[in-house]
């Protein structure tokens, strides 16, 4: 089915408002990714994990939104992504396993990164390690990069479609004018 089919959900006329929302989500994801890397460097590993999870969540929701998929208002949308992967280009479909796995892993670490293990009187720092933070930031970086690439392809496709429609309209107007003469 691919990216073009994903754009056909609106009868062939993609809603640019959804693309703008996706762009906004990715700007938010990028800010979280930057802060996650800073937190990791400052050895604030739980915060790096939490921000990485938020980056992945926003990135995945951005690409789903961009192709018109309504997703549940939950942190892990990986099941939806897998269910609709045919709406994406082949290269992105090949990455859905990684994207799904990353979302699931980071959502499981979200609560401990915030609260620790309260029942066992463990702080977030007692539970989340440097390795956890490094893995989380790496997953967030790859996820963000894949989603940015997809959105850039979508924007290029939309620009080409808009240019074609503008040319068709211009050609029709020229024909109408020549008939009048």
Protein backbone atom coordinates (compact mmCIF):
# COMPACT_ATOMS: atom_id res chain seq x y z
CA UNK A 1 0.00 0.00 0.00
CA UNK A 2 2.74 2.50 0.97
CA UNK A 3 2.92 6.20 1.72
CA UNK A 4 0.67 7.31 -1.14
CA UNK A 5 -2.04 4.94 0.05
CA UNK A 6 -1.66 6.35 3.53
CA UNK A 7 -2.37 9.76 2.06
CA UNK A 8 -5.52 8.54 0.36
CA UNK A 9 -7.47 8.29 3.60
CA UNK A 10 -9.09 11.63 2.79
CA UNK A 11 -10.20 10.70 -0.70
CA UNK A 12 -6.87 11.66 -2.21
CA UNK A 13 -6.66 15.13 -0.72
CA UNK A 14 -4.43 14.94 2.36
CA UNK A 15 -5.32 17.23 5.19
CA UNK A 16 -2.40 19.60 5.63
CA UNK A 17 -3.57 20.37 9.16
CA UNK A 18 -2.60 16.84 10.16
CA UNK A 19 0.86 17.32 8.68
CA UNK A 20 1.23 20.58 10.62
CA UNK A 21 0.23 18.76 13.83
CA UNK A 22 2.78 16.05 13.06
CA UNK A 23 5.45 18.71 12.59
CA UNK A 24 4.56 20.17 15.96
CA UNK A 25 4.75 16.77 17.66
CA UNK A 26 8.19 16.22 16.15
CA UNK A 27 9.40 19.63 17.36
CA UNK A 28 8.30 18.59 20.85
CA UNK A 29 9.99 15.20 20.42
CA UNK A 30 13.22 16.88 19.32
CA UNK A 31 13.25 19.11 22.41
CA UNK A 32 12.80 16.08 24.64
CA UNK A 33 15.55 14.21 22.82
CA UNK A 34 17.95 17.11 23.33
CA UNK A 35 17.06 17.31 27.03
CA UNK A 36 17.36 13.51 27.38
CA UNK A 37 20.91 13.63 26.05
CA UNK A 38 21.74 16.48 28.44
CA UNK A 39 20.24 14.55 31.36
CA UNK A 40 22.27 11.46 30.40
CA UNK A 41 25.47 13.51 30.29
CA UNK A 42 24.63 14.98 33.70
CA UNK A 43 24.13 11.41 35.02
CA UNK A 44 20.43 12.05 35.64
CA UNK A 45 19.63 8.65 34.17
CA UNK A 46 15.97 8.34 35.25
CA UNK A 47 15.13 11.70 33.67
CA UNK A 48 16.96 10.71 30.47
CA UNK A 49 14.82 7.57 30.27
CA UNK A 50 11.58 9.46 30.87
CA UNK A 51 12.38 12.11 28.25
CA UNK A 52 13.44 9.41 25.78
CA UNK A 53 10.11 7.65 26.27
CA UNK A 54 8.25 10.90 25.62
CA UNK A 55 10.34 11.48 22.47
CA UNK A 56 9.45 8.03 21.13
CA UNK A 57 5.76 8.48 22.00
CA UNK A 58 5.53 11.87 20.29
CA UNK A 59 7.49 10.68 17.25
CA UNK A 60 5.24 7.67 16.69
CA UNK A 61 2.09 9.70 17.24
CA UNK A 62 3.39 12.25 14.72
CA UNK A 63 3.70 9.72 11.90
CA UNK A 64 0.35 8.15 12.73
CA UNK A 65 -1.28 11.58 12.75
CA UNK A 66 0.41 12.55 9.48
CA UNK A 67 -1.25 9.68 7.60
CA UNK A 68 -4.62 10.22 9.26
CA UNK A 69 -4.58 7.43 11.84
CA UNK A 70 -6.43 8.18 15.05
CA UNK A 71 -4.66 6.48 17.92
CA UNK A 72 -5.77 5.79 21.50
CA UNK A 73 -4.72 8.34 24.11
CA UNK A 74 -2.20 6.04 25.75
CA UNK A 75 1.59 6.16 26.00
CA UNK A 76 2.32 3.06 23.89
CA UNK A 77 0.82 3.25 20.39
CA UNK A 78 3.07 0.53 18.96
CA UNK A 79 0.19 -1.92 18.40
CA UNK A 80 -1.58 0.66 16.24
CA UNK A 81 1.63 1.33 14.31
CA UNK A 82 2.06 -2.38 13.57
CA UNK A 83 -1.63 -2.76 12.58
CA UNK A 84 -1.39 0.04 9.99
CA UNK A 85 2.20 -0.42 8.83
CA UNK A 86 1.02 -1.06 5.26
CA UNK A 87 0.23 2.67 5.06
CA UNK A 88 3.93 3.46 5.20
CA UNK A 89 6.74 3.02 2.67
CA UNK A 90 8.65 -0.27 2.64
CA UNK A 91 11.74 1.14 4.36
CA UNK A 92 9.61 2.37 7.28
CA UNK A 93 7.65 -0.90 7.45
CA UNK A 94 10.98 -2.70 7.92
CA UNK A 95 11.62 -0.58 11.03
CA UNK A 96 8.25 -1.14 12.73
CA UNK A 97 9.66 -4.05 14.75
CA UNK A 98 12.34 -1.80 16.24
CA UNK A 99 9.88 1.08 16.73
CA UNK A 100 7.33 -1.15 18.44
CA UNK A 101 9.93 -2.78 20.66
CA UNK A 102 11.39 0.61 21.64
CA UNK A 103 7.99 2.00 22.57
CA UNK A 104 7.12 -1.04 24.68
CA UNK A 105 10.49 -1.09 26.48
CA UNK A 106 10.44 2.62 27.29
CA UNK A 107 6.81 2.67 28.43
CA UNK A 108 7.67 -0.12 30.91
CA UNK A 109 10.48 2.07 32.28
CA UNK A 110 8.38 5.25 32.37
CA UNK A 111 6.85 4.78 35.81
CA UNK A 112 10.04 3.56 37.54
CA UNK A 113 11.92 6.49 36.02
CA UNK A 114 9.43 8.84 37.68
CA UNK A 115 8.68 7.16 40.98
CA UNK A 116 11.22 4.42 41.47
CA UNK A 117 10.01 1.37 43.32
CA UNK A 118 7.93 3.03 46.00
CA UNK A 119 6.77 -0.25 47.59
CA UNK A 120 10.38 -1.32 48.09
CA UNK A 121 11.54 2.20 49.02
CA UNK A 122 13.76 2.41 45.95
CA UNK A 123 14.42 5.75 44.30
CA UNK A 124 14.42 6.15 40.51
CA UNK A 125 18.22 6.30 40.69
CA UNK A 126 18.23 2.88 42.43
CA UNK A 127 16.30 1.35 39.51
CA UNK A 128 17.43 3.15 36.35
CA UNK A 129 21.08 2.64 35.37
CA UNK A 130 23.49 4.39 33.05
CA UNK A 131 22.99 1.52 30.59
CA UNK A 132 19.23 2.04 30.72
CA UNK A 133 19.70 5.72 29.92
CA UNK A 134 22.15 5.09 27.09
CA UNK A 135 19.83 2.52 25.52
CA UNK A 136 16.80 4.80 25.93
CA UNK A 137 18.50 7.81 24.33
CA UNK A 138 19.80 5.69 21.44
CA UNK A 139 16.31 4.27 20.82
CA UNK A 140 14.79 7.75 20.99
CA UNK A 141 17.39 9.12 18.54
CA UNK A 142 16.81 6.36 15.99
CA UNK A 143 13.03 6.60 16.34
CA UNK A 144 13.07 10.37 15.93
CA UNK A 145 15.35 10.16 12.88
CA UNK A 146 13.12 7.57 11.19
CA UNK A 147 10.00 9.63 11.85
CA UNK A 148 11.62 12.85 10.61
CA UNK A 149 12.65 11.06 7.41
CA UNK A 150 9.11 9.81 6.89
CA UNK A 151 7.57 13.23 7.45
CA UNK A 152 10.08 14.82 5.05
CA UNK A 153 9.08 12.26 2.39
CA UNK A 154 5.43 13.01 3.04
CA UNK A 155 6.02 16.75 2.72
CA UNK A 156 7.92 16.23 -0.56
CA UNK A 157 5.04 14.11 -1.87
CA UNK A 158 2.51 16.75 -0.86
CA UNK A 159 4.54 19.54 -2.48
CA UNK A 160 4.71 17.56 -5.73
CA UNK A 161 0.96 16.89 -5.59
CA UNK A 162 0.25 20.55 -4.92
CA UNK A 163 2.51 21.58 -7.83
CA UNK A 164 0.72 19.13 -10.17
CA UNK A 165 -2.71 20.42 -9.09
CA UNK A 166 -1.58 24.02 -9.58
CA UNK A 167 -0.30 23.17 -13.07
CA UNK A 168 -3.59 21.40 -13.96
CA UNK A 169 -5.59 24.41 -12.78
CA UNK A 170 -3.34 26.76 -14.74
CA UNK A 171 -3.66 24.60 -17.89
CA UNK A 172 -7.46 24.56 -17.55
CA UNK A 173 -7.56 28.34 -17.22
CA UNK A 174 -5.38 28.70 -20.34
CA UNK A 175 -7.74 26.41 -22.30
CA UNK A 176 -10.76 28.39 -21.12
CA UNK A 177 -9.12 31.68 -22.20
CA UNK A 178 -8.20 30.31 -25.63
CA UNK A 179 -11.81 29.14 -26.14
CA UNK A 180 -13.07 32.62 -25.33
CA UNK A 181 -10.78 34.17 -27.94
